[in-house]
Amino acid sequence: MIKRKWSILFLLGLSFASVCQAGDDIDALYSRIAQKDIQALNELKALAKDNNAQALAELGFIYDYGVSVSVDIPQAIKYYEQACDLDGDYGCFNAAYFYEYGIGTQKDITQAKTLAKQLREKINLSNINLHKKVSERIIGSVYSNKLEAYRDISFRPHFIQGLSFYFYAPQSDERKLLSRIGFDSSHLARIAILWAREGDPEVAYQTAKLVST
């Protein structure tokens, strides 16, 4: 109980900037957007119009999870697909997810496979020592767990806890794989913090554990 109380208090004062080392302009823009800075959102959209793949993927995330905007899955898919076309592996991964399960759009397995193929072509697996089936299992696990957390908010703590496991070993091949598909520790921290702010103490506890590793 003490740990849980500490976690909630910890998260109340936690900004994303303290979790993710904002190394570039887009990370800094995200931090401002998370604080409801509309000008920052407009600046990010301007970068996206210049075909910046990272900006497009970031906008996909923002509309996917409702970061200072209303959740808009069709809009998120649009941005993710544009990012995918411009070599943004994170965009390919997330756009494929929505088509795979028919979330916010009509289920389209063919399109999901097309995006998954693009992801395989773009992602660099040369220094990741994992069997193909293991890589597919990990990616499939992220898909299915994200879906479960979407359908049942009580699953969110398990989602955070399960993925956190991969980030305890700094140089693990599993961690490298997740980073290559754009699902690194900073993205998981973003999601966890957004959910924790909704007041679930178990989510708050798992989030505090994640950001302290």
C-alpha atoms as a PDB file:
ATOM      1  CA  MET A   1       0.000   0.000   0.000  1.00  0.00           C
ATOM      2  CA  ILE A   2       2.856   2.372   0.800  1.00  0.00           C
ATOM      3  CA  LYS A   3       4.442   1.657  -2.568  1.00  0.00           C
ATOM      4  CA  ARG A   4       1.157   2.225  -4.327  1.00  0.00           C
ATOM      5  CA  LYS A   5       0.540   5.505  -2.528  1.00  0.00           C
ATOM      6  CA  TRP A   6       4.067   6.611  -3.376  1.00  0.00           C
ATOM      7  CA  SER A   7       3.479   5.739  -7.015  1.00  0.00           C
ATOM      8  CA  ILE A   8       0.367   7.876  -7.264  1.00  0.00           C
ATOM      9  CA  LEU A   9       2.043  10.846  -5.608  1.00  0.00           C
ATOM     10  CA  PHE A  10       5.055  10.372  -7.846  1.00  0.00           C
ATOM     11  CA  LEU A  11       2.974  10.423 -11.002  1.00  0.00           C
ATOM     12  CA  LEU A  12       0.918  13.445 -10.074  1.00  0.00           C
ATOM     13  CA  GLY A  13       3.978  15.616 -10.441  1.00  0.00           C
ATOM     14  CA  LEU A  14       5.575  13.688 -13.280  1.00  0.00           C
ATOM     15  CA  SER A  15       5.887  15.307 -16.676  1.00  0.00           C
ATOM     16  CA  PHE A  16       6.911  13.359 -19.725  1.00  0.00           C
ATOM     17  CA  ALA A  17      10.048  15.441 -20.037  1.00  0.00           C
ATOM     18  CA  SER A  18      11.378  13.883 -16.840  1.00  0.00           C
ATOM     19  CA  VAL A  19      10.971  10.393 -18.258  1.00  0.00           C
ATOM     20  CA  CYS A  20      12.092  10.709 -21.836  1.00  0.00           C
ATOM     21  CA  GLN A  21      15.378  12.409 -22.525  1.00  0.00           C
ATOM     22  CA  ALA A  22      14.142  14.906 -25.066  1.00  0.00           C
ATOM     23  CA  GLY A  23      17.050  14.809 -27.448  1.00  0.00           C
ATOM     24  CA  ASP A  24      15.520  16.352 -30.524  1.00  0.00           C
ATOM     25  CA  ASP A  25      12.935  18.919 -31.508  1.00  0.00           C
ATOM     26  CA  ILE A  26      10.132  16.414 -31.998  1.00  0.00           C
ATOM     27  CA  ASP A  27      10.511  14.958 -28.520  1.00  0.00           C
ATOM     28  CA  ALA A  28      10.457  18.511 -27.162  1.00  0.00           C
ATOM     29  CA  LEU A  29       7.323  19.277 -29.176  1.00  0.00           C
ATOM     30  CA  TYR A  30       5.641  16.160 -27.791  1.00  0.00           C
ATOM     31  CA  SER A  31       6.418  17.280 -24.247  1.00  0.00           C
ATOM     32  CA  ARG A  32       4.786  20.646 -24.952  1.00  0.00           C
ATOM     33  CA  ILE A  33       1.774  19.020 -26.613  1.00  0.00           C
ATOM     34  CA  ALA A  34       1.317  16.775 -23.570  1.00  0.00           C
ATOM     35  CA  GLN A  35       0.991  20.019 -21.585  1.00  0.00           C
ATOM     36  CA  LYS A  36      -1.784  21.170 -23.988  1.00  0.00           C
ATOM     37  CA  ASP A  37       0.385  23.560 -26.001  1.00  0.00           C
ATOM     38  CA  ILE A  38      -1.618  24.021 -29.228  1.00  0.00           C
ATOM     39  CA  GLN A  39       1.194  25.956 -30.889  1.00  0.00           C
ATOM     40  CA  ALA A  40       3.455  22.930 -30.462  1.00  0.00           C
ATOM     41  CA  LEU A  41       0.839  20.731 -32.157  1.00  0.00           C
ATOM     42  CA  ASN A  42       0.717  23.147 -35.093  1.00  0.00           C
ATOM     43  CA  GLU A  43       4.517  23.110 -35.317  1.00  0.00           C
ATOM     44  CA  LEU A  44       4.508  19.307 -35.371  1.00  0.00           C
ATOM     45  CA  LYS A  45       1.893  19.308 -38.142  1.00  0.00           C
ATOM     46  CA  ALA A  46       4.054  21.721 -40.128  1.00  0.00           C
ATOM     47  CA  LEU A  47       6.964  19.284 -39.885  1.00  0.00           C
ATOM     48  CA  ALA A  48       4.658  16.470 -40.989  1.00  0.00           C
ATOM     49  CA  LYS A  49       3.652  18.474 -44.077  1.00  0.00           C
ATOM     50  CA  ASP A  50       7.335  18.550 -44.988  1.00  0.00           C
ATOM     51  CA  ASN A  51       7.271  14.736 -45.071  1.00  0.00           C
ATOM     52  CA  ASN A  52       9.088  14.240 -41.783  1.00  0.00           C
ATOM     53  CA  ALA A  53       8.488  10.551 -40.978  1.00  0.00           C
ATOM     54  CA  GLN A  54       9.110  10.976 -37.248  1.00  0.00           C
ATOM     55  CA  ALA A  55       6.670  13.889 -37.051  1.00  0.00           C
ATOM     56  CA  LEU A  56       4.033  11.853 -38.874  1.00  0.00           C
ATOM     57  CA  ALA A  57       4.520   8.862 -36.567  1.00  0.00           C
ATOM     58  CA  GLU A  58       4.343  11.202 -33.578  1.00  0.00           C
ATOM     59  CA  LEU A  59       1.033  12.633 -34.798  1.00  0.00           C
ATOM     60  CA  GLY A  60      -0.226   9.087 -35.246  1.00  0.00           C
ATOM     61  CA  PHE A  61       0.604   8.383 -31.607  1.00  0.00           C
ATOM     62  CA  ILE A  62      -1.039  11.626 -30.448  1.00  0.00           C
ATOM     63  CA  TYR A  63      -4.351  10.824 -32.165  1.00  0.00           C
ATOM     64  CA  ASP A  64      -4.077   7.131 -31.288  1.00  0.00           C
ATOM     65  CA  TYR A  65      -3.922   7.831 -27.543  1.00  0.00           C
ATOM     66  CA  GLY A  66      -5.621  11.229 -27.363  1.00  0.00           C
ATOM     67  CA  VAL A  67      -2.657  13.310 -26.202  1.00  0.00           C
ATOM     68  CA  SER A  68      -4.291  16.713 -25.577  1.00  0.00           C
ATOM     69  CA  VAL A  69      -6.685  15.977 -28.466  1.00  0.00           C
ATOM     70  CA  SER A  70      -9.692  13.713 -28.863  1.00  0.00           C
ATOM     71  CA  VAL A  71      -8.853  10.134 -29.799  1.00  0.00           C
ATOM     72  CA  ASP A  72      -9.253   9.854 -33.574  1.00  0.00           C
ATOM     73  CA  ILE A  73      -8.240   6.430 -34.849  1.00  0.00           C
ATOM     74  CA  PRO A  74      -8.863   7.094 -38.577  1.00  0.00           C
ATOM     75  CA  GLN A  75      -6.649  10.174 -38.294  1.00  0.00           C
ATOM     76  CA  ALA A  76      -4.025   8.164 -36.412  1.00  0.00           C
ATOM     77  CA  ILE A  77      -4.044   5.494 -39.117  1.00  0.00           C
ATOM     78  CA  LYS A  78      -3.598   8.148 -41.811  1.00  0.00           C
ATOM     79  CA  TYR A  79      -0.530   9.581 -40.094  1.00  0.00           C
ATOM     80  CA  TYR A  80       0.920   6.147 -39.325  1.00  0.00           C
ATOM     81  CA  GLU A  81       0.542   5.045 -42.956  1.00  0.00           C
ATOM     82  CA  GLN A  82       2.184   8.221 -44.235  1.00  0.00           C
ATOM     83  CA  ALA A  83       5.067   7.644 -41.819  1.00  0.00           C
ATOM     84  CA  CYS A  84       5.339   4.046 -43.021  1.00  0.00           C
ATOM     85  CA  ASP A  85       5.590   5.176 -46.645  1.00  0.00           C
ATOM     86  CA  LEU A  86       8.472   7.469 -45.649  1.00  0.00           C
ATOM     87  CA  ASP A  87      10.503   4.760 -43.891  1.00  0.00           C
ATOM     88  CA  GLY A  88       8.955   5.181 -40.471  1.00  0.00           C
ATOM     89  CA  ASP A  89       8.918   1.608 -39.121  1.00  0.00           C
ATOM     90  CA  TYR A  90       6.839   2.664 -36.110  1.00  0.00           C
ATOM     91  CA  GLY A  91       4.172   3.868 -38.530  1.00  0.00           C
ATOM     92  CA  CYS A  92       4.105   0.528 -40.367  1.00  0.00           C
ATOM     93  CA  PHE A  93       3.762  -1.435 -37.129  1.00  0.00           C
ATOM     94  CA  ASN A  94       0.848   0.602 -35.791  1.00  0.00           C
ATOM     95  CA  ALA A  95      -1.061   1.015 -39.038  1.00  0.00           C
ATOM     96  CA  ALA A  96      -0.878  -2.754 -39.575  1.00  0.00           C
ATOM     97  CA  TYR A  97      -2.249  -3.310 -36.061  1.00  0.00           C
ATOM     98  CA  PHE A  98      -5.426  -1.325 -36.766  1.00  0.00           C
ATOM     99  CA  TYR A  99      -6.102  -3.145 -40.030  1.00  0.00           C
ATOM    100  CA  GLU A 100      -5.282  -6.521 -38.472  1.00  0.00           C
ATOM    101  CA  TYR A 101      -7.983  -6.166 -35.817  1.00  0.00           C
ATOM    102  CA  GLY A 102     -10.377  -3.741 -37.498  1.00  0.00           C
ATOM    103  CA  ILE A 103     -10.047  -1.035 -34.847  1.00  0.00           C
ATOM    104  CA  GLY A 104     -11.307   2.342 -36.019  1.00  0.00           C
ATOM    105  CA  THR A 105     -11.414   1.041 -39.577  1.00  0.00           C
ATOM    106  CA  GLN A 106     -12.723  -1.896 -41.535  1.00  0.00           C
ATOM    107  CA  LYS A 107     -10.734  -5.067 -40.905  1.00  0.00           C
ATOM    108  CA  ASP A 108      -8.376  -5.542 -43.839  1.00  0.00           C
ATOM    109  CA  ILE A 109      -5.953  -8.446 -43.528  1.00  0.00           C
ATOM    110  CA  THR A 110      -4.515  -7.783 -46.985  1.00  0.00           C
ATOM    111  CA  GLN A 111      -3.578  -4.221 -46.062  1.00  0.00           C
ATOM    112  CA  ALA A 112      -2.221  -5.403 -42.713  1.00  0.00           C
ATOM    113  CA  LYS A 113       0.032  -7.891 -44.521  1.00  0.00           C
ATOM    114  CA  THR A 114       1.166  -5.210 -46.973  1.00  0.00           C
ATOM    115  CA  LEU A 115       2.178  -2.923 -44.114  1.00  0.00           C
ATOM    116  CA  ALA A 116       3.832  -5.808 -42.273  1.00  0.00           C
ATOM    117  CA  LYS A 117       5.850  -6.549 -45.415  1.00  0.00           C
ATOM    118  CA  GLN A 118       6.916  -2.896 -45.589  1.00  0.00           C
ATOM    119  CA  LEU A 119       7.994  -3.129 -41.959  1.00  0.00           C
ATOM    120  CA  ARG A 120      10.101  -6.224 -42.631  1.00  0.00           C
ATOM    121  CA  GLU A 121      11.757  -4.468 -45.573  1.00  0.00           C
ATOM    122  CA  LYS A 122      12.567  -1.326 -43.578  1.00  0.00           C
ATOM    123  CA  ILE A 123      13.585  -2.745 -40.221  1.00  0.00           C
ATOM    124  CA  ASN A 124      17.257  -3.545 -39.597  1.00  0.00           C
ATOM    125  CA  LEU A 125      17.552  -6.950 -37.936  1.00  0.00           C
ATOM    126  CA  SER A 126      21.191  -7.525 -38.845  1.00  0.00           C
ATOM    127  CA  ASN A 127      22.498  -7.296 -35.272  1.00  0.00           C
ATOM    128  CA  ILE A 128      19.531  -8.882 -33.516  1.00  0.00           C
ATOM    129  CA  ASN A 129      20.209 -12.493 -32.589  1.00  0.00           C
ATOM    130  CA  LEU A 130      16.654 -13.798 -32.553  1.00  0.00           C
ATOM    131  CA  HIS A 131      15.081 -16.582 -34.558  1.00  0.00           C
ATOM    132  CA  LYS A 132      12.444 -15.347 -37.006  1.00  0.00           C
ATOM    133  CA  LYS A 133       9.700 -17.208 -35.141  1.00  0.00           C
ATOM    134  CA  VAL A 134      10.762 -15.610 -31.842  1.00  0.00           C
ATOM    135  CA  SER A 135      10.670 -12.147 -33.417  1.00  0.00           C
ATOM    136  CA  GLU A 136       7.214 -12.828 -34.841  1.00  0.00           C
ATOM    137  CA  ARG A 137       6.025 -14.109 -31.463  1.00  0.00           C
ATOM    138  CA  ILE A 138       7.212 -10.952 -29.688  1.00  0.00           C
ATOM    139  CA  ILE A 139       5.608  -8.653 -32.258  1.00  0.00           C
ATOM    140  CA  GLY A 140       2.399 -10.703 -32.119  1.00  0.00           C
ATOM    141  CA  SER A 141       2.427 -10.452 -28.330  1.00  0.00           C
ATOM    142  CA  VAL A 142       2.652  -6.660 -28.490  1.00  0.00           C
ATOM    143  CA  TYR A 143      -0.280  -6.631 -30.920  1.00  0.00           C
ATOM    144  CA  SER A 144      -2.509  -8.902 -28.842  1.00  0.00           C
ATOM    145  CA  ASN A 145      -1.686  -7.242 -25.526  1.00  0.00           C
ATOM    146  CA  LYS A 146      -2.322  -3.777 -26.926  1.00  0.00           C
ATOM    147  CA  LEU A 147      -5.672  -5.036 -28.218  1.00  0.00           C
ATOM    148  CA  GLU A 148      -6.582  -6.499 -24.822  1.00  0.00           C
ATOM    149  CA  ALA A 149      -5.664  -3.240 -23.062  1.00  0.00           C
ATOM    150  CA  TYR A 150      -7.806  -1.362 -25.592  1.00  0.00           C
ATOM    151  CA  ARG A 151     -10.816  -3.609 -24.998  1.00  0.00           C
ATOM    152  CA  ASP A 152     -10.433  -3.981 -21.227  1.00  0.00           C
ATOM    153  CA  ILE A 153      -8.820  -1.162 -19.231  1.00  0.00           C
ATOM    154  CA  SER A 154      -8.313  -3.507 -16.275  1.00  0.00           C
ATOM    155  CA  PHE A 155      -5.661  -5.242 -18.421  1.00  0.00           C
ATOM    156  CA  ARG A 156      -3.545  -2.081 -18.683  1.00  0.00           C
ATOM    157  CA  PRO A 157      -1.310  -2.855 -15.661  1.00  0.00           C
ATOM    158  CA  HIS A 158      -0.539  -6.294 -17.137  1.00  0.00           C
ATOM    159  CA  PHE A 159       0.278  -4.698 -20.492  1.00  0.00           C
ATOM    160  CA  ILE A 160       2.754  -2.298 -18.877  1.00  0.00           C
ATOM    161  CA  GLN A 161       4.251  -4.987 -16.647  1.00  0.00           C
ATOM    162  CA  GLY A 162       4.610  -7.481 -19.486  1.00  0.00           C
ATOM    163  CA  LEU A 163       6.394  -5.106 -21.843  1.00  0.00           C
ATOM    164  CA  SER A 164       8.507  -3.608 -19.059  1.00  0.00           C
ATOM    165  CA  PHE A 165      10.182  -6.999 -18.702  1.00  0.00           C
ATOM    166  CA  TYR A 166      11.985  -6.497 -22.010  1.00  0.00           C
ATOM    167  CA  PHE A 167      13.545  -3.220 -20.884  1.00  0.00           C
ATOM    168  CA  TYR A 168      15.239  -4.464 -17.713  1.00  0.00           C
ATOM    169  CA  ALA A 169      18.185  -5.850 -19.711  1.00  0.00           C
ATOM    170  CA  PRO A 170      19.669  -2.777 -21.465  1.00  0.00           C
ATOM    171  CA  GLN A 171      21.202  -4.556 -24.459  1.00  0.00           C
ATOM    172  CA  SER A 172      18.858  -7.520 -24.883  1.00  0.00           C
ATOM    173  CA  ASP A 173      17.958  -8.544 -28.424  1.00  0.00           C
ATOM    174  CA  GLU A 174      14.274  -8.388 -27.504  1.00  0.00           C
ATOM    175  CA  ARG A 175      14.716  -4.783 -26.449  1.00  0.00           C
ATOM    176  CA  LYS A 176      16.496  -3.991 -29.709  1.00  0.00           C
ATOM    177  CA  LEU A 177      13.645  -5.548 -31.676  1.00  0.00           C
ATOM    178  CA  LEU A 178      11.012  -3.500 -29.871  1.00  0.00           C
ATOM    179  CA  SER A 179      13.028  -0.336 -30.435  1.00  0.00           C
ATOM    180  CA  ARG A 180      13.328  -1.085 -34.154  1.00  0.00           C
ATOM    181  CA  ILE A 181       9.563  -1.307 -34.520  1.00  0.00           C
ATOM    182  CA  GLY A 182       9.251   1.950 -32.614  1.00  0.00           C
ATOM    183  CA  PHE A 183       7.953   0.439 -29.386  1.00  0.00           C
ATOM    184  CA  ASP A 184      10.844   1.385 -27.144  1.00  0.00           C
ATOM    185  CA  SER A 185      10.828   2.218 -23.439  1.00  0.00           C
ATOM    186  CA  SER A 186      10.042   5.887 -24.080  1.00  0.00           C
ATOM    187  CA  HIS A 187       6.873   5.029 -26.019  1.00  0.00           C
ATOM    188  CA  LEU A 188       5.783   2.577 -23.341  1.00  0.00           C
ATOM    189  CA  ALA A 189       6.430   5.256 -20.702  1.00  0.00           C
ATOM    190  CA  ARG A 190       4.303   7.728 -22.640  1.00  0.00           C
ATOM    191  CA  ILE A 191       1.400   5.293 -22.808  1.00  0.00           C
ATOM    192  CA  ALA A 192       1.740   4.321 -19.149  1.00  0.00           C
ATOM    193  CA  ILE A 193       1.791   7.937 -17.964  1.00  0.00           C
ATOM    194  CA  LEU A 194      -1.291   8.798 -20.026  1.00  0.00           C
ATOM    195  CA  TRP A 195      -3.166   5.859 -18.509  1.00  0.00           C
ATOM    196  CA  ALA A 196      -1.893   6.557 -14.985  1.00  0.00           C
ATOM    197  CA  ARG A 197      -3.356  10.040 -15.122  1.00  0.00           C
ATOM    198  CA  GLU A 198      -6.801   8.450 -15.345  1.00  0.00           C
ATOM    199  CA  GLY A 199      -6.430   7.450 -11.698  1.00  0.00           C
ATOM    200  CA  ASP A 200      -5.979   3.668 -11.672  1.00  0.00           C
ATOM    201  CA  PRO A 201      -3.607   2.976  -8.715  1.00  0.00           C
ATOM    202  CA  GLU A 202      -2.313  -0.301 -10.181  1.00  0.00           C
ATOM    203  CA  VAL A 203      -1.446   1.424 -13.458  1.00  0.00           C
ATOM    204  CA  ALA A 204       0.247   4.160 -11.413  1.00  0.00           C
ATOM    205  CA  TYR A 205       2.301   1.567  -9.540  1.00  0.00           C
ATOM    206  CA  GLN A 206       3.437  -0.240 -12.705  1.00  0.00           C
ATOM    207  CA  THR A 207       4.237   3.095 -14.350  1.00  0.00           C
ATOM    208  CA  ALA A 208       6.373   4.212 -11.417  1.00  0.00           C
ATOM    209  CA  LYS A 209       8.302   0.925 -11.622  1.00  0.00           C
ATOM    210  CA  LEU A 210       8.802   1.391 -15.348  1.00  0.00           C
ATOM    211  CA  VAL A 211      10.116   4.952 -15.254  1.00  0.00           C
ATOM    212  CA  SER A 212      12.444   4.204 -12.345  1.00  0.00           C
ATOM    213  CA  THR A 213      14.290   1.405 -14.206  1.00  0.00           C
END
